[in-house]
Amino acid sequence: MARGPAATRHALRPFARHGRLDRHPLRKALGLAGIAVAVLAVSAVTVASLAIWDVSSSLEKGVTLPDDVTAKSTQAPDVNAIKGGVNLLLVGSDSGGGDPQYGPRSEHLNDVTMLLHIAEDHASATVVSIPRDLFVEIPACRPAEDRAGGYRAPGTDGGFTDKINTALSYGGLGCVVTTVQNLTGLTIPYAAEIEFNGVVAMSNAVGGVPVCVAEKIEDTHTNLVLEPGRHVLKGLEALQFLRTRYGLSTGSDLARIGNQQSFLSSLVRVIKSDGTLNNPIKLYSLAKAAASNMVLSSHLQDLGTMVSIAAALRTIPLERVAFLQYPVDEVDGGLVPRTDDADVLFTALKKDRPVRLSGSLGEASRPDASAGPTPTDAAGASDTPTATQAPSATPSPGSGAVKLPATISGQTAAEHTCTAGRTLDQQ
């Protein structure tokens, strides 16, 4: 029932009628503080409720993944109760989401495919980038009927070999998940597909991502020009930086992965910084950006699951967040897996064992000496990289960590690296 001014005055009378005059200044101050805390608490609950409703309203129906078909419950499990950690696949689509500013795009390809593994004890996390030009076995997924796609049962004709970035066009997000599961031997219950605008929105939500450029980057394909030095990238410029390939030292897709790892390491540092974690507006903006610009698998639709996964990452030290590149060999027209080396990595993740890097930094990545020393691990070994060796992503050699083959390059989120670029004259 609506209330007018008279009703409001009547509601306030009991405070005056039953109140007592308290001459003790400390008691009066405590009383005012109590009222202030109560008002702030109610306001916080109200804002949080509105934020959750707003984010929930942004979520579309989730994509059904292969293992979802036989799931006994539609309720996502608590991340703290998951045995063997969390496996989440992040797919970056090059379709542009239909936005005309990115020009005509004829195919729907997963040009970025990253697998996130969080250890069961939440002491470490590993992100594995799978090169777009890697030839793999793709299951017989039927073409997706819409943008979200979905899992399609394999046909009787079996699978075939193609580059992994075509999996999205064959059967949507579910087909990419099936392909990566077959490649790695890991079960992936969570997946998300992000478009160009999602990268723009998320970089804006955190206020920009600091990057270091060692040599000038010039790329007419993405319209990116960056002078040597430090830059804070957000919006379209952040997207151009992640997409650039020809402006990097070797001009290869592997160089682009190294550049992306440098960017993501900086992004993790920003998100885990006090300014972001303690800023409700930034946190909400980040959740809103993700929810509004991603296609999510059905189990990832639950906001509780999203928050619990974020909470697990929040407690992991930067030096124990590793960004790795899937090991490959070059062949005519693309890349092929180094299966023996990859088996070492994915067997370790399957058994939920930490890993140690012994390979080099990714292509186009260079140590940023001006950033100073990076944190040391529990064993006291410095994480400062050399030109040929990346730091350990684990606390101690005696902790059961698996040393990775030198063919697996990467870095940790604690490392500050610079991008080695090239000019148009060098291309």
Protein backbone atom coordinates (compact mmCIF):
# COMPACT_ATOMS: atom_id res chain seq x y z
CA MET A 1 0.00 0.00 0.00
CA ALA A 2 1.38 3.45 -0.94
CA ARG A 3 2.28 5.83 1.83
CA GLY A 4 1.94 9.60 1.77
CA PRO A 5 3.72 12.23 3.89
CA ALA A 6 1.31 11.75 6.80
CA ALA A 7 1.92 8.03 6.91
CA THR A 8 5.65 8.62 6.85
CA ARG A 9 5.43 11.05 9.76
CA HIS A 10 3.34 8.53 11.71
CA ALA A 11 5.93 5.82 11.12
CA LEU A 12 8.67 8.01 12.55
CA ARG A 13 6.80 8.97 15.75
CA PRO A 14 7.73 5.90 17.85
CA PHE A 15 11.41 6.90 17.73
CA ALA A 16 10.54 10.27 19.28
CA ARG A 17 7.90 8.95 21.65
CA HIS A 18 9.91 6.08 23.14
CA GLY A 19 13.39 7.57 22.76
CA ARG A 20 15.42 8.67 25.74
CA LEU A 21 17.72 11.64 26.03
CA ASP A 22 21.20 10.16 26.41
CA ARG A 23 23.80 12.66 27.62
CA HIS A 24 26.75 10.22 27.36
CA PRO A 25 28.64 11.25 24.16
CA LEU A 26 30.28 7.82 23.63
CA ARG A 27 26.97 5.99 23.88
CA LYS A 28 25.41 8.48 21.47
CA ALA A 29 28.26 7.98 19.00
CA LEU A 30 27.87 4.21 19.18
CA GLY A 31 24.16 4.55 18.58
CA LEU A 32 24.73 6.64 15.45
CA ALA A 33 27.34 4.18 14.24
CA GLY A 34 24.89 1.31 14.71
CA ILE A 35 22.27 3.11 12.63
CA ALA A 36 24.85 3.83 9.93
CA VAL A 37 25.98 0.20 9.81
CA ALA A 38 22.37 -0.97 9.59
CA VAL A 39 21.65 1.41 6.71
CA LEU A 40 24.81 0.31 4.87
CA ALA A 41 23.97 -3.36 5.39
CA VAL A 42 20.46 -2.96 4.01
CA SER A 43 21.80 -0.93 1.09
CA ALA A 44 24.46 -3.54 0.33
CA VAL A 45 21.92 -6.36 0.32
CA THR A 46 19.63 -4.36 -1.94
CA VAL A 47 22.41 -3.50 -4.39
CA ALA A 48 23.68 -7.10 -4.39
CA SER A 49 20.17 -8.42 -5.05
CA LEU A 50 19.69 -6.02 -7.94
CA ALA A 51 23.12 -6.89 -9.33
CA ILE A 52 22.44 -10.64 -9.20
CA TRP A 53 19.05 -10.13 -10.87
CA ASP A 54 20.64 -7.95 -13.54
CA VAL A 55 23.40 -10.45 -14.28
CA SER A 56 20.95 -13.35 -14.24
CA SER A 57 18.72 -11.58 -16.74
CA SER A 58 21.72 -11.29 -19.08
CA LEU A 59 22.24 -15.05 -19.24
CA GLU A 60 20.80 -16.92 -22.17
CA LYS A 61 19.95 -20.60 -22.17
CA GLY A 62 23.16 -22.56 -21.67
CA VAL A 63 24.77 -24.88 -24.19
CA THR A 64 24.43 -28.58 -23.38
CA LEU A 65 27.79 -30.34 -23.33
CA PRO A 66 28.34 -34.08 -23.95
CA ASP A 67 28.45 -35.11 -20.28
CA ASP A 68 25.43 -32.95 -19.46
CA VAL A 69 23.21 -35.39 -21.33
CA THR A 70 23.65 -38.07 -18.69
CA ALA A 71 23.92 -35.76 -15.70
CA LYS A 72 21.76 -36.86 -12.76
CA SER A 73 21.14 -33.31 -11.61
CA THR A 74 20.99 -29.93 -13.32
CA GLN A 75 22.41 -28.25 -10.23
CA ALA A 76 26.09 -27.43 -10.60
CA PRO A 77 28.35 -28.84 -7.85
CA ASP A 78 30.17 -26.69 -5.34
CA VAL A 79 33.70 -26.08 -6.63
CA ASN A 80 35.14 -26.93 -3.22
CA ALA A 81 33.63 -30.41 -3.42
CA ILE A 82 34.84 -31.28 -6.93
CA LYS A 83 37.32 -34.14 -6.97
CA GLY A 84 40.24 -33.57 -9.30
CA GLY A 85 39.72 -29.85 -9.57
CA VAL A 86 37.90 -27.80 -12.18
CA ASN A 87 38.25 -28.00 -15.96
CA LEU A 88 36.81 -25.08 -17.92
CA LEU A 89 37.22 -24.43 -21.65
CA LEU A 90 37.31 -20.84 -22.89
CA VAL A 91 36.71 -20.42 -26.62
CA GLY A 92 37.34 -17.15 -28.44
CA SER A 93 35.26 -16.85 -31.59
CA ASP A 94 36.37 -14.78 -34.58
CA SER A 95 32.85 -14.30 -35.96
CA GLY A 96 32.64 -10.77 -34.58
CA GLY A 97 29.19 -11.47 -33.14
CA GLY A 98 27.57 -9.86 -36.16
CA ASP A 99 29.04 -6.44 -35.32
CA PRO A 100 29.66 -4.58 -38.63
CA GLN A 101 32.71 -2.73 -37.25
CA TYR A 102 34.70 -5.98 -37.57
CA GLY A 103 33.83 -6.33 -41.24
CA PRO A 104 32.34 -9.35 -43.05
CA ARG A 105 33.37 -12.67 -41.53
CA SER A 106 32.36 -15.79 -43.45
CA GLU A 107 33.26 -18.47 -40.89
CA HIS A 108 32.59 -19.15 -37.22
CA LEU A 109 35.99 -20.32 -35.97
CA ASN A 110 37.44 -20.88 -32.51
CA ASP A 111 40.70 -19.03 -33.06
CA VAL A 112 41.39 -19.05 -29.30
CA THR A 113 41.00 -22.31 -27.36
CA MET A 114 42.18 -22.31 -23.74
CA LEU A 115 41.72 -24.99 -21.11
CA LEU A 116 41.71 -23.88 -17.45
CA HIS A 117 42.49 -26.47 -14.77
CA ILE A 118 42.16 -25.56 -11.09
CA ALA A 119 43.76 -28.00 -8.66
CA GLU A 120 41.49 -29.63 -6.10
CA ASP A 121 43.33 -28.00 -3.21
CA HIS A 122 43.07 -24.59 -4.93
CA ALA A 123 46.84 -24.17 -4.57
CA SER A 124 47.56 -23.87 -8.30
CA ALA A 125 45.92 -23.24 -11.66
CA THR A 126 47.03 -24.04 -15.20
CA VAL A 127 45.84 -22.52 -18.47
CA VAL A 128 46.77 -24.44 -21.63
CA SER A 129 46.51 -22.63 -24.98
CA ILE A 130 45.88 -24.89 -27.97
CA PRO A 131 47.17 -23.41 -31.26
CA ARG A 132 44.47 -22.73 -33.84
CA ASP A 133 46.44 -24.45 -36.64
CA LEU A 134 46.83 -27.75 -34.79
CA PHE A 135 45.58 -30.74 -36.78
CA VAL A 136 43.40 -32.94 -34.55
CA GLU A 137 40.72 -35.58 -34.77
CA ILE A 138 37.34 -33.86 -34.83
CA PRO A 139 34.25 -35.92 -33.94
CA ALA A 140 31.36 -36.13 -36.37
CA CYS A 141 29.54 -33.08 -35.03
CA ARG A 142 26.66 -31.79 -37.11
CA PRO A 143 26.76 -28.08 -38.04
CA ALA A 144 25.37 -25.80 -35.37
CA GLU A 145 21.83 -24.57 -35.99
CA ASP A 146 22.40 -21.26 -34.20
CA ARG A 147 25.15 -19.15 -32.69
CA ALA A 148 25.18 -21.05 -29.41
CA GLY A 149 25.46 -24.42 -31.11
CA GLY A 150 25.37 -27.43 -28.82
CA TYR A 151 26.53 -31.00 -28.64
CA ARG A 152 25.44 -33.29 -31.45
CA ALA A 153 25.84 -37.05 -31.10
CA PRO A 154 28.62 -38.40 -33.34
CA GLY A 155 27.42 -40.00 -36.55
CA THR A 156 28.16 -43.52 -37.73
CA ASP A 157 30.75 -42.26 -40.20
CA GLY A 158 33.15 -41.38 -37.35
CA GLY A 159 35.40 -38.36 -37.08
CA PHE A 160 37.98 -36.78 -39.36
CA THR A 161 41.14 -34.70 -39.19
CA ASP A 162 41.11 -30.92 -39.47
CA LYS A 163 42.53 -27.86 -37.73
CA ILE A 164 41.09 -27.45 -34.26
CA ASN A 165 39.79 -23.95 -34.96
CA THR A 166 37.17 -25.44 -37.32
CA ALA A 167 35.44 -27.39 -34.53
CA LEU A 168 33.19 -24.45 -33.63
CA SER A 169 31.88 -24.22 -37.20
CA TYR A 170 31.18 -27.97 -37.31
CA GLY A 171 29.09 -28.19 -34.17
CA GLY A 172 29.25 -25.18 -31.89
CA LEU A 173 30.71 -24.96 -28.41
CA GLY A 174 29.85 -28.57 -27.57
CA CYS A 175 31.85 -29.83 -30.54
CA VAL A 176 34.92 -27.87 -29.40
CA VAL A 177 34.59 -29.38 -25.94
CA THR A 178 34.34 -32.91 -27.35
CA THR A 179 37.38 -32.31 -29.57
CA VAL A 180 39.49 -31.01 -26.66
CA GLN A 181 38.34 -33.84 -24.41
CA ASN A 182 39.48 -36.35 -27.02
CA LEU A 183 42.79 -34.51 -27.41
CA THR A 184 43.60 -34.17 -23.70
CA GLY A 185 41.79 -37.08 -22.07
CA LEU A 186 40.24 -34.67 -19.54
CA THR A 187 36.53 -34.30 -18.79
CA ILE A 188 35.35 -30.70 -19.26
CA PRO A 189 32.06 -29.87 -17.49
CA TYR A 190 32.26 -26.09 -17.99
CA ALA A 191 32.73 -24.05 -21.17
CA ALA A 192 32.28 -20.50 -22.39
CA GLU A 193 32.46 -18.83 -25.80
CA ILE A 194 33.40 -15.17 -25.98
CA GLU A 195 33.07 -12.81 -28.94
CA PHE A 196 35.17 -9.76 -29.83
CA ASN A 197 32.83 -7.41 -27.96
CA GLY A 198 33.27 -9.51 -24.82
CA VAL A 199 37.00 -8.82 -24.80
CA VAL A 200 36.28 -5.10 -25.26
CA ALA A 201 33.73 -5.05 -22.43
CA MET A 202 35.85 -7.02 -19.95
CA SER A 203 38.97 -4.92 -20.54
CA ASN A 204 36.85 -1.82 -19.94
CA ALA A 205 35.34 -3.36 -16.80
CA VAL A 206 38.75 -3.67 -15.10
CA GLY A 207 39.83 -0.20 -16.19
CA GLY A 208 42.41 -1.41 -18.69
CA VAL A 209 45.27 -3.93 -18.73
CA PRO A 210 48.92 -2.77 -18.49
CA VAL A 211 51.24 -4.21 -21.16
CA CYS A 212 54.91 -3.77 -22.03
CA VAL A 213 56.11 -3.48 -25.64
CA ALA A 214 59.81 -4.12 -26.34
CA GLU A 215 59.83 -3.27 -30.06
CA LYS A 216 57.30 -1.32 -32.08
CA ILE A 217 54.20 -3.24 -33.18
CA GLU A 218 52.67 -2.43 -36.56
CA ASP A 219 49.80 -4.54 -37.90
CA THR A 220 47.58 -3.40 -40.75
CA HIS A 221 45.38 -6.49 -40.35
CA THR A 222 44.19 -5.36 -36.91
CA ASN A 223 44.99 -1.64 -37.35
CA LEU A 224 47.28 -1.72 -34.31
CA VAL A 225 50.31 0.51 -33.85
CA LEU A 226 52.08 0.52 -30.47
CA GLU A 227 55.36 2.26 -29.74
CA PRO A 228 57.92 0.66 -27.40
CA GLY A 229 57.14 1.28 -23.76
CA ARG A 230 54.27 0.69 -21.35
CA HIS A 231 50.61 0.99 -22.27
CA VAL A 232 47.29 0.47 -20.51
CA LEU A 233 44.98 -1.17 -23.04
CA LYS A 234 41.23 -1.33 -22.94
CA GLY A 235 38.34 -1.41 -25.35
CA LEU A 236 39.09 -1.94 -29.04
CA GLU A 237 42.84 -1.47 -28.53
CA ALA A 238 42.94 -4.41 -26.08
CA LEU A 239 41.15 -6.57 -28.65
CA GLN A 240 43.60 -5.50 -31.39
CA PHE A 241 46.53 -6.39 -29.13
CA LEU A 242 45.15 -9.89 -28.48
CA ARG A 243 44.40 -10.47 -32.17
CA THR A 244 47.65 -9.14 -33.60
CA ARG A 245 49.87 -11.68 -35.30
CA TYR A 246 51.73 -10.01 -38.14
CA GLY A 247 52.88 -7.23 -35.81
CA LEU A 248 54.76 -9.71 -33.61
CA SER A 249 58.39 -10.79 -33.88
CA THR A 250 57.83 -14.02 -35.84
CA GLY A 251 54.37 -13.28 -37.24
CA SER A 252 53.14 -16.74 -36.25
CA ASP A 253 50.09 -17.93 -34.36
CA LEU A 254 52.45 -19.30 -31.71
CA ALA A 255 53.80 -15.78 -31.23
CA ARG A 256 50.22 -14.59 -30.79
CA ILE A 257 49.72 -17.18 -28.04
CA GLY A 258 52.84 -15.91 -26.25
CA ASN A 259 51.51 -12.36 -26.55
CA GLN A 260 48.12 -13.41 -25.20
CA GLN A 261 49.78 -15.13 -22.24
CA SER A 262 51.61 -11.92 -21.42
CA PHE A 263 48.32 -9.98 -21.57
CA LEU A 264 46.42 -12.57 -19.50
CA SER A 265 49.15 -12.64 -16.85
CA SER A 266 48.77 -8.89 -16.49
CA LEU A 267 44.96 -9.23 -16.44
CA VAL A 268 45.18 -11.77 -13.60
CA ARG A 269 47.39 -9.36 -11.65
CA VAL A 270 44.85 -6.58 -12.16
CA ILE A 271 41.87 -8.72 -11.13
CA LYS A 272 43.69 -10.06 -8.07
CA SER A 273 44.88 -6.62 -7.00
CA ASP A 274 43.32 -4.98 -3.98
CA GLY A 275 41.83 -2.24 -6.09
CA THR A 276 39.74 -4.68 -8.10
CA LEU A 277 38.85 -7.26 -5.45
CA ASN A 278 37.70 -4.56 -3.05
CA ASN A 279 35.80 -2.56 -5.65
CA PRO A 280 32.18 -3.81 -5.95
CA ILE A 281 31.59 -1.68 -9.04
CA LYS A 282 34.54 -3.24 -10.90
CA LEU A 283 33.62 -6.76 -9.80
CA TYR A 284 30.01 -6.31 -10.85
CA SER A 285 31.07 -4.73 -14.15
CA LEU A 286 33.31 -7.72 -14.82
CA ALA A 287 30.49 -10.20 -14.08
CA LYS A 288 28.09 -8.18 -16.21
CA ALA A 289 30.59 -8.05 -19.08
CA ALA A 290 31.07 -11.80 -18.93
CA ALA A 291 27.36 -12.61 -18.67
CA SER A 292 26.37 -10.24 -21.48
CA ASN A 293 29.03 -11.26 -23.97
CA MET A 294 29.48 -15.00 -23.52
CA VAL A 295 27.72 -18.16 -24.54
CA LEU A 296 27.91 -20.39 -21.45
CA SER A 297 27.48 -24.12 -20.98
CA SER A 298 24.44 -25.15 -18.94
CA HIS A 299 26.34 -25.92 -15.71
CA LEU A 300 28.16 -22.60 -15.91
CA GLN A 301 24.83 -20.74 -16.05
CA ASP A 302 24.48 -21.03 -12.27
CA LEU A 303 25.75 -17.81 -10.68
CA GLY A 304 26.81 -19.72 -7.58
CA THR A 305 29.12 -21.83 -9.74
CA MET A 306 30.60 -18.76 -11.41
CA VAL A 307 31.26 -17.14 -8.04
CA SER A 308 32.72 -20.30 -6.50
CA ILE A 309 35.14 -20.80 -9.39
CA ALA A 310 36.22 -17.17 -9.10
CA ALA A 311 36.68 -17.63 -5.35
CA ALA A 312 38.93 -20.63 -5.97
CA LEU A 313 41.13 -18.60 -8.32
CA ARG A 314 41.17 -15.70 -5.92
CA THR A 315 43.22 -17.59 -3.33
CA ILE A 316 45.92 -18.89 -5.68
CA PRO A 317 49.27 -17.04 -5.56
CA LEU A 318 50.34 -15.40 -8.81
CA GLU A 319 53.46 -17.55 -9.08
CA ARG A 320 51.26 -20.67 -9.07
CA VAL A 321 49.07 -19.57 -11.98
CA ALA A 322 50.77 -20.98 -15.10
CA PHE A 323 50.01 -20.19 -18.74
CA LEU A 324 51.27 -22.97 -21.06
CA GLN A 325 51.29 -23.69 -24.78
CA TYR A 326 50.32 -27.13 -26.03
CA PRO A 327 53.49 -28.79 -27.46
CA VAL A 328 53.55 -29.06 -31.25
CA ASP A 329 55.65 -29.88 -34.29
CA GLU A 330 55.44 -28.00 -37.60
CA VAL A 331 54.23 -29.71 -40.78
CA ASP A 332 53.18 -28.42 -44.19
CA GLY A 333 50.14 -26.23 -43.71
CA GLY A 334 49.92 -26.40 -39.95
CA LEU A 335 50.95 -28.09 -36.72
CA VAL A 336 50.68 -31.58 -35.23
CA PRO A 337 50.66 -32.64 -31.55
CA ARG A 338 53.79 -33.81 -29.75
CA THR A 339 51.68 -36.45 -28.06
CA ASP A 340 54.36 -37.89 -25.78
CA ASP A 341 55.14 -34.47 -24.31
CA ALA A 342 51.46 -33.54 -24.09
CA ASP A 343 50.74 -36.79 -22.24
CA VAL A 344 53.15 -35.73 -19.48
CA LEU A 345 51.18 -32.52 -18.97
CA PHE A 346 47.66 -33.91 -19.13
CA THR A 347 48.46 -36.99 -17.07
CA ALA A 348 49.67 -34.64 -14.36
CA LEU A 349 46.50 -32.55 -14.58
CA LYS A 350 44.30 -35.65 -14.64
CA LYS A 351 45.97 -36.84 -11.44
CA ASP A 352 45.71 -33.30 -10.06
CA ARG A 353 49.46 -32.97 -9.61
CA PRO A 354 51.23 -29.59 -9.89
CA VAL A 355 53.58 -28.98 -12.81
CA ARG A 356 56.95 -27.27 -13.21
CA LEU A 357 57.95 -25.33 -16.30
CA SER A 358 61.35 -26.05 -17.82
CA GLY A 359 60.80 -24.62 -21.29
CA SER A 360 61.28 -21.13 -22.69
CA LEU A 361 58.93 -18.18 -22.62
CA GLY A 362 56.37 -18.14 -25.41
CA GLU A 363 57.27 -16.65 -28.78
CA ALA A 364 57.17 -12.85 -28.86
CA SER A 365 57.53 -12.74 -25.04
CA ARG A 366 60.61 -11.27 -23.37
CA PRO A 367 61.45 -10.81 -19.68
CA ASP A 368 60.69 -7.31 -18.41
CA ALA A 369 63.84 -6.55 -16.45
CA SER A 370 62.59 -3.10 -15.44
CA ALA A 371 59.68 -4.61 -13.50
CA GLY A 372 62.07 -5.85 -10.80
CA PRO A 373 62.24 -9.33 -9.27
CA THR A 374 59.09 -11.40 -9.18
CA PRO A 375 57.96 -13.28 -6.05
CA THR A 376 59.84 -16.38 -5.00
CA ASP A 377 58.19 -19.71 -4.38
CA ALA A 378 58.13 -21.62 -1.09
CA ALA A 379 61.43 -23.28 -1.95
CA GLY A 380 63.12 -19.89 -2.23
CA ALA A 381 63.81 -20.19 -5.97
CA SER A 382 63.41 -16.94 -7.87
CA ASP A 383 60.69 -16.74 -10.49
CA THR A 384 62.66 -14.19 -12.51
CA PRO A 385 62.99 -15.72 -15.99
CA THR A 386 66.06 -15.91 -18.16
CA ALA A 387 66.09 -15.74 -21.93
CA THR A 388 65.90 -19.51 -22.19
CA GLN A 389 64.13 -20.72 -19.09
CA ALA A 390 60.76 -19.94 -17.57
CA PRO A 391 60.18 -20.07 -13.81
CA SER A 392 58.66 -22.83 -11.75
CA ALA A 393 54.89 -22.73 -11.36
CA THR A 394 54.99 -24.85 -8.24
CA PRO A 395 56.03 -24.31 -4.63
CA SER A 396 58.77 -26.89 -4.22
CA PRO A 397 60.57 -29.65 -6.14
CA GLY A 398 59.71 -32.02 -3.29
CA SER A 399 55.98 -31.41 -3.46
CA GLY A 400 55.27 -34.09 -6.06
CA ALA A 401 55.44 -31.63 -8.94
CA VAL A 402 55.81 -32.96 -12.47
CA LYS A 403 58.61 -31.36 -14.49
CA LEU A 404 57.30 -30.57 -17.97
CA PRO A 405 59.26 -31.21 -21.19
CA ALA A 406 61.18 -28.23 -22.57
CA THR A 407 58.85 -28.20 -25.60
CA ILE A 408 56.08 -26.78 -23.40
CA SER A 409 56.65 -23.02 -23.23
CA GLY A 410 54.87 -20.50 -21.04
CA GLN A 411 55.03 -18.26 -18.01
CA THR A 412 53.37 -17.60 -14.66
CA ALA A 413 51.09 -14.72 -13.75
CA ALA A 414 53.83 -13.42 -11.45
CA GLU A 415 56.11 -12.73 -14.40
CA HIS A 416 56.20 -9.35 -16.07
CA THR A 417 57.03 -9.85 -19.74
CA CYS A 418 57.26 -7.60 -22.78
CA THR A 419 56.03 -8.19 -26.32
CA ALA A 420 58.62 -8.36 -29.09
CA GLY A 421 57.03 -6.62 -32.07
CA ARG A 422 58.05 -5.79 -35.64
CA THR A 423 57.31 -2.99 -38.07
CA LEU A 424 55.79 -3.14 -41.54
CA ASP A 425 59.27 -2.94 -43.06
CA GLN A 426 60.19 -6.17 -41.26
CA GLN A 427 57.17 -8.12 -42.48
